[in-house]
Amino acid sequence: MLVASAPMQPSRSWTLPALVAVALLVGCGRKATEADCQLIVDQTVAVKLKEKNVTDPAAVTKMQEELRNEVKGDVMDGCVGKRISDSALTCIKGAQTQEEIVKCLR
């Protein structure tokens, strides 16, 4: 007999490595804006959900909004104002995996 289980909520702990990497950025570029940091969060969520075969746009948007609310404060403060290059942001926009996002931030 098969028992239906509740759908698993994606773990949000996977966002921390990418956000910590952003907080540690140094070097060339310009200061990251709040919009830049939100783009990184949003792309990280989209990529991770895609890896879990969650492609419903409404579900992706909902998770992005939830995570934005969770990372306000310390995490965003650790990102906004740090150095980031336009090429890193372009790379992040095109990333297909979490590993690619982390590479973009190196």
N, C-alpha and C. Protein backbone atom coordinates (compact mmCIF):
# COMPACT_ATOMS: atom_id res chain seq x y z
N MET A 1 0.83 -1.17 0.00
CA MET A 1 0.00 0.00 0.00
C MET A 1 0.89 1.24 0.00
N LEU A 2 0.62 2.17 -0.91
CA LEU A 2 1.37 3.41 -0.99
C LEU A 2 0.71 4.46 -0.13
N VAL A 3 1.50 5.18 0.58
CA VAL A 3 1.00 6.26 1.43
C VAL A 3 1.53 7.57 0.86
N ALA A 4 0.62 8.48 0.59
CA ALA A 4 1.03 9.79 0.08
C ALA A 4 1.63 10.60 1.21
N SER A 5 2.73 11.20 0.93
CA SER A 5 3.35 12.05 1.95
C SER A 5 3.24 13.50 1.52
N ALA A 6 3.35 14.37 2.48
CA ALA A 6 3.30 15.81 2.20
C ALA A 6 4.53 16.19 1.39
N PRO A 7 4.38 17.11 0.46
CA PRO A 7 5.55 17.52 -0.32
C PRO A 7 6.59 18.16 0.58
N MET A 8 7.83 17.83 0.30
CA MET A 8 8.92 18.38 1.11
C MET A 8 9.16 19.84 0.74
N GLN A 9 9.38 20.63 1.75
CA GLN A 9 9.77 22.01 1.53
C GLN A 9 11.26 22.02 1.23
N PRO A 10 11.68 22.73 0.20
CA PRO A 10 13.11 22.78 -0.09
C PRO A 10 13.86 23.41 1.07
N SER A 11 15.01 22.83 1.38
CA SER A 11 15.85 23.37 2.45
C SER A 11 16.40 24.72 2.03
N ARG A 12 16.40 25.65 2.93
CA ARG A 12 16.91 26.98 2.61
C ARG A 12 18.36 27.14 3.02
N SER A 13 18.92 26.13 3.67
CA SER A 13 20.31 26.23 4.12
C SER A 13 21.28 26.32 2.96
N TRP A 14 20.88 25.90 1.77
CA TRP A 14 21.75 25.93 0.60
C TRP A 14 22.04 27.34 0.14
N THR A 15 21.27 28.30 0.58
CA THR A 15 21.52 29.67 0.14
C THR A 15 22.69 30.31 0.86
N LEU A 16 23.00 29.82 2.03
CA LEU A 16 24.04 30.45 2.82
C LEU A 16 25.40 30.46 2.15
N PRO A 17 25.85 29.37 1.51
CA PRO A 17 27.17 29.45 0.88
C PRO A 17 27.26 30.56 -0.16
N ALA A 18 26.25 30.71 -0.97
CA ALA A 18 26.28 31.77 -1.99
C ALA A 18 26.26 33.14 -1.34
N LEU A 19 25.45 33.31 -0.33
CA LEU A 19 25.36 34.61 0.32
C LEU A 19 26.62 34.94 1.11
N VAL A 20 27.23 33.94 1.72
CA VAL A 20 28.49 34.17 2.42
C VAL A 20 29.56 34.56 1.42
N ALA A 21 29.57 33.90 0.26
CA ALA A 21 30.55 34.24 -0.76
C ALA A 21 30.40 35.70 -1.18
N VAL A 22 29.15 36.15 -1.30
CA VAL A 22 28.92 37.54 -1.67
C VAL A 22 29.46 38.46 -0.58
N ALA A 23 29.24 38.09 0.66
CA ALA A 23 29.70 38.94 1.77
C ALA A 23 31.22 39.05 1.80
N LEU A 24 31.92 38.08 1.24
CA LEU A 24 33.37 38.07 1.28
C LEU A 24 34.02 38.62 0.01
N LEU A 25 33.21 39.09 -0.92
CA LEU A 25 33.77 39.60 -2.17
C LEU A 25 34.70 40.78 -1.92
N VAL A 26 35.82 40.75 -2.57
CA VAL A 26 36.76 41.87 -2.53
C VAL A 26 37.32 42.05 -3.93
N GLY A 27 37.98 43.15 -4.15
CA GLY A 27 38.63 43.35 -5.44
C GLY A 27 37.92 44.37 -6.29
N CYS A 28 38.04 44.18 -7.61
CA CYS A 28 37.51 45.18 -8.53
C CYS A 28 36.00 45.14 -8.60
N GLY A 29 35.49 46.09 -9.32
CA GLY A 29 34.06 46.18 -9.49
C GLY A 29 33.51 47.41 -8.79
N ARG A 30 32.28 47.30 -8.44
CA ARG A 30 31.59 48.40 -7.78
C ARG A 30 30.91 47.86 -6.54
N LYS A 31 30.34 48.76 -5.76
CA LYS A 31 29.64 48.33 -4.55
C LYS A 31 28.31 47.70 -4.94
N ALA A 32 28.02 46.54 -4.36
CA ALA A 32 26.76 45.84 -4.63
C ALA A 32 25.59 46.62 -4.03
N THR A 33 24.54 46.74 -4.81
CA THR A 33 23.32 47.39 -4.34
C THR A 33 22.40 46.32 -3.74
N GLU A 34 21.34 46.78 -3.10
CA GLU A 34 20.35 45.83 -2.58
C GLU A 34 19.75 45.02 -3.72
N ALA A 35 19.53 45.66 -4.87
CA ALA A 35 18.99 44.96 -6.04
C ALA A 35 19.96 43.88 -6.52
N ASP A 36 21.26 44.16 -6.49
CA ASP A 36 22.26 43.15 -6.88
C ASP A 36 22.17 41.94 -5.95
N CYS A 37 22.09 42.21 -4.67
CA CYS A 37 22.04 41.13 -3.68
C CYS A 37 20.75 40.33 -3.81
N GLN A 38 19.65 41.01 -4.09
CA GLN A 38 18.39 40.31 -4.30
C GLN A 38 18.44 39.45 -5.55
N LEU A 39 19.11 39.94 -6.59
CA LEU A 39 19.27 39.15 -7.80
C LEU A 39 20.02 37.85 -7.49
N ILE A 40 21.06 37.93 -6.69
CA ILE A 40 21.82 36.75 -6.31
C ILE A 40 20.94 35.77 -5.54
N VAL A 41 20.17 36.28 -4.59
CA VAL A 41 19.26 35.43 -3.82
C VAL A 41 18.23 34.79 -4.76
N ASP A 42 17.61 35.60 -5.61
CA ASP A 42 16.57 35.10 -6.50
C ASP A 42 17.11 34.03 -7.45
N GLN A 43 18.29 34.26 -8.01
CA GLN A 43 18.86 33.29 -8.94
C GLN A 43 19.25 32.01 -8.22
N THR A 44 19.75 32.15 -7.01
CA THR A 44 20.11 30.98 -6.21
C THR A 44 18.87 30.13 -5.96
N VAL A 45 17.76 30.76 -5.59
CA VAL A 45 16.50 30.04 -5.36
C VAL A 45 16.04 29.37 -6.64
N ALA A 46 16.02 30.11 -7.74
CA ALA A 46 15.53 29.56 -9.01
C ALA A 46 16.35 28.35 -9.45
N VAL A 47 17.67 28.45 -9.32
CA VAL A 47 18.55 27.35 -9.72
C VAL A 47 18.33 26.13 -8.84
N LYS A 48 18.25 26.37 -7.53
CA LYS A 48 18.08 25.24 -6.61
C LYS A 48 16.74 24.56 -6.82
N LEU A 49 15.69 25.32 -7.04
CA LEU A 49 14.38 24.72 -7.27
C LEU A 49 14.37 23.96 -8.60
N LYS A 50 15.05 24.50 -9.60
CA LYS A 50 15.14 23.81 -10.89
C LYS A 50 15.86 22.47 -10.72
N GLU A 51 16.90 22.44 -9.89
CA GLU A 51 17.62 21.20 -9.62
C GLU A 51 16.70 20.18 -8.95
N LYS A 52 15.70 20.64 -8.23
CA LYS A 52 14.74 19.77 -7.56
C LYS A 52 13.48 19.54 -8.42
N ASN A 53 13.58 19.95 -9.68
CA ASN A 53 12.47 19.81 -10.64
C ASN A 53 11.22 20.57 -10.24
N VAL A 54 11.40 21.68 -9.54
CA VAL A 54 10.29 22.58 -9.22
C VAL A 54 10.41 23.73 -10.22
N THR A 55 9.52 23.74 -11.22
CA THR A 55 9.62 24.74 -12.28
C THR A 55 8.39 25.63 -12.37
N ASP A 56 7.42 25.41 -11.51
CA ASP A 56 6.22 26.23 -11.52
C ASP A 56 6.60 27.67 -11.17
N PRO A 57 6.35 28.62 -12.09
CA PRO A 57 6.75 30.01 -11.84
C PRO A 57 6.19 30.58 -10.53
N ALA A 58 4.97 30.21 -10.19
CA ALA A 58 4.37 30.72 -8.95
C ALA A 58 5.12 30.20 -7.73
N ALA A 59 5.53 28.93 -7.77
CA ALA A 59 6.26 28.35 -6.65
C ALA A 59 7.64 29.00 -6.52
N VAL A 60 8.30 29.24 -7.65
CA VAL A 60 9.62 29.87 -7.64
C VAL A 60 9.51 31.28 -7.07
N THR A 61 8.54 32.04 -7.54
CA THR A 61 8.34 33.41 -7.06
C THR A 61 8.04 33.43 -5.56
N LYS A 62 7.21 32.50 -5.11
CA LYS A 62 6.86 32.43 -3.68
C LYS A 62 8.10 32.16 -2.84
N MET A 63 8.93 31.21 -3.26
CA MET A 63 10.14 30.90 -2.51
C MET A 63 11.12 32.08 -2.52
N GLN A 64 11.22 32.78 -3.65
CA GLN A 64 12.10 33.94 -3.73
C GLN A 64 11.65 35.01 -2.74
N GLU A 65 10.34 35.26 -2.69
CA GLU A 65 9.82 36.27 -1.77
C GLU A 65 10.06 35.86 -0.32
N GLU A 66 9.83 34.58 -0.01
CA GLU A 66 10.04 34.10 1.36
C GLU A 66 11.50 34.27 1.76
N LEU A 67 12.40 33.91 0.86
CA LEU A 67 13.81 34.00 1.19
C LEU A 67 14.26 35.46 1.32
N ARG A 68 13.74 36.33 0.47
CA ARG A 68 14.08 37.76 0.59
C ARG A 68 13.73 38.26 1.99
N ASN A 69 12.56 37.85 2.49
CA ASN A 69 12.14 38.27 3.82
C ASN A 69 13.04 37.69 4.90
N GLU A 70 13.51 36.45 4.70
CA GLU A 70 14.36 35.81 5.69
C GLU A 70 15.76 36.41 5.75
N VAL A 71 16.27 36.88 4.62
CA VAL A 71 17.66 37.36 4.60
C VAL A 71 17.79 38.85 4.85
N LYS A 72 16.69 39.52 5.10
CA LYS A 72 16.79 40.94 5.45
C LYS A 72 17.61 41.03 6.73
N GLY A 73 18.32 42.09 6.85
CA GLY A 73 19.12 42.28 8.07
C GLY A 73 20.55 41.88 7.84
N ASP A 74 21.06 41.01 8.71
CA ASP A 74 22.48 40.66 8.73
C ASP A 74 23.01 40.17 7.39
N VAL A 75 22.29 39.26 6.74
CA VAL A 75 22.79 38.69 5.49
C VAL A 75 22.84 39.76 4.41
N MET A 76 21.76 40.52 4.24
CA MET A 76 21.76 41.57 3.23
C MET A 76 22.75 42.66 3.59
N ASP A 77 22.87 42.98 4.87
CA ASP A 77 23.86 43.98 5.29
C ASP A 77 25.27 43.52 4.97
N GLY A 78 25.50 42.20 5.01
CA GLY A 78 26.81 41.65 4.68
C GLY A 78 27.08 41.62 3.18
N CYS A 79 26.05 41.85 2.39
CA CYS A 79 26.19 41.82 0.94
C CYS A 79 26.21 43.23 0.36
N VAL A 80 25.24 44.04 0.73
CA VAL A 80 25.12 45.39 0.19
C VAL A 80 26.38 46.19 0.52
N GLY A 81 26.95 46.80 -0.50
CA GLY A 81 28.14 47.61 -0.32
C GLY A 81 29.44 46.87 -0.57
N LYS A 82 29.39 45.53 -0.63
CA LYS A 82 30.59 44.77 -0.93
C LYS A 82 30.90 44.89 -2.42
N ARG A 83 32.14 44.66 -2.79
CA ARG A 83 32.56 44.81 -4.18
C ARG A 83 32.04 43.65 -5.03
N ILE A 84 31.49 43.98 -6.19
CA ILE A 84 31.04 42.98 -7.14
C ILE A 84 31.21 43.55 -8.54
N SER A 85 31.53 42.71 -9.48
CA SER A 85 31.71 43.18 -10.86
C SER A 85 30.44 42.91 -11.66
N ASP A 86 30.28 43.69 -12.70
CA ASP A 86 29.15 43.46 -13.60
C ASP A 86 29.27 42.10 -14.27
N SER A 87 30.50 41.65 -14.53
CA SER A 87 30.68 40.34 -15.16
C SER A 87 30.24 39.22 -14.21
N ALA A 88 30.45 39.40 -12.90
CA ALA A 88 29.99 38.40 -11.93
C ALA A 88 28.47 38.33 -11.93
N LEU A 89 27.82 39.48 -11.98
CA LEU A 89 26.35 39.49 -12.00
C LEU A 89 25.82 38.87 -13.29
N THR A 90 26.46 39.14 -14.42
CA THR A 90 26.05 38.55 -15.69
C THR A 90 26.21 37.04 -15.61
N CYS A 91 27.31 36.59 -15.04
CA CYS A 91 27.57 35.17 -14.87
C CYS A 91 26.47 34.53 -14.01
N ILE A 92 26.11 35.18 -12.92
CA ILE A 92 25.08 34.66 -12.02
C ILE A 92 23.75 34.53 -12.74
N LYS A 93 23.41 35.53 -13.52
CA LYS A 93 22.14 35.49 -14.26
C LYS A 93 22.07 34.28 -15.19
N GLY A 94 23.21 33.85 -15.72
CA GLY A 94 23.22 32.73 -16.65
C GLY A 94 23.52 31.38 -16.00
N ALA A 95 23.79 31.39 -14.70
CA ALA A 95 24.16 30.15 -14.02
C ALA A 95 23.00 29.15 -14.01
N GLN A 96 23.35 27.89 -14.20
CA GLN A 96 22.36 26.82 -14.22
C GLN A 96 22.42 25.92 -12.99
N THR A 97 23.50 26.06 -12.19
CA THR A 97 23.65 25.27 -10.98
C THR A 97 24.17 26.16 -9.86
N GLN A 98 24.01 25.67 -8.64
CA GLN A 98 24.52 26.41 -7.48
C GLN A 98 26.04 26.54 -7.55
N GLU A 99 26.70 25.48 -8.03
CA GLU A 99 28.15 25.51 -8.15
C GLU A 99 28.59 26.61 -9.12
N GLU A 100 27.85 26.80 -10.21
CA GLU A 100 28.18 27.86 -11.16
C GLU A 100 28.03 29.23 -10.50
N ILE A 101 27.02 29.40 -9.67
CA ILE A 101 26.84 30.68 -8.98
C ILE A 101 28.04 30.96 -8.08
N VAL A 102 28.47 29.96 -7.34
CA VAL A 102 29.62 30.14 -6.45
C VAL A 102 30.86 30.48 -7.27
N LYS A 103 31.06 29.81 -8.42
CA LYS A 103 32.21 30.11 -9.29
C LYS A 103 32.14 31.55 -9.79
N CYS A 104 30.94 32.03 -10.10
CA CYS A 104 30.78 33.40 -10.58
C CYS A 104 31.26 34.41 -9.55
N LEU A 105 31.16 34.06 -8.28
CA LEU A 105 31.50 34.98 -7.21
C LEU A 105 32.97 34.92 -6.81
N ARG A 106 33.72 34.06 -7.45
CA ARG A 106 35.15 33.94 -7.12
C ARG A 106 35.95 34.91 -7.91
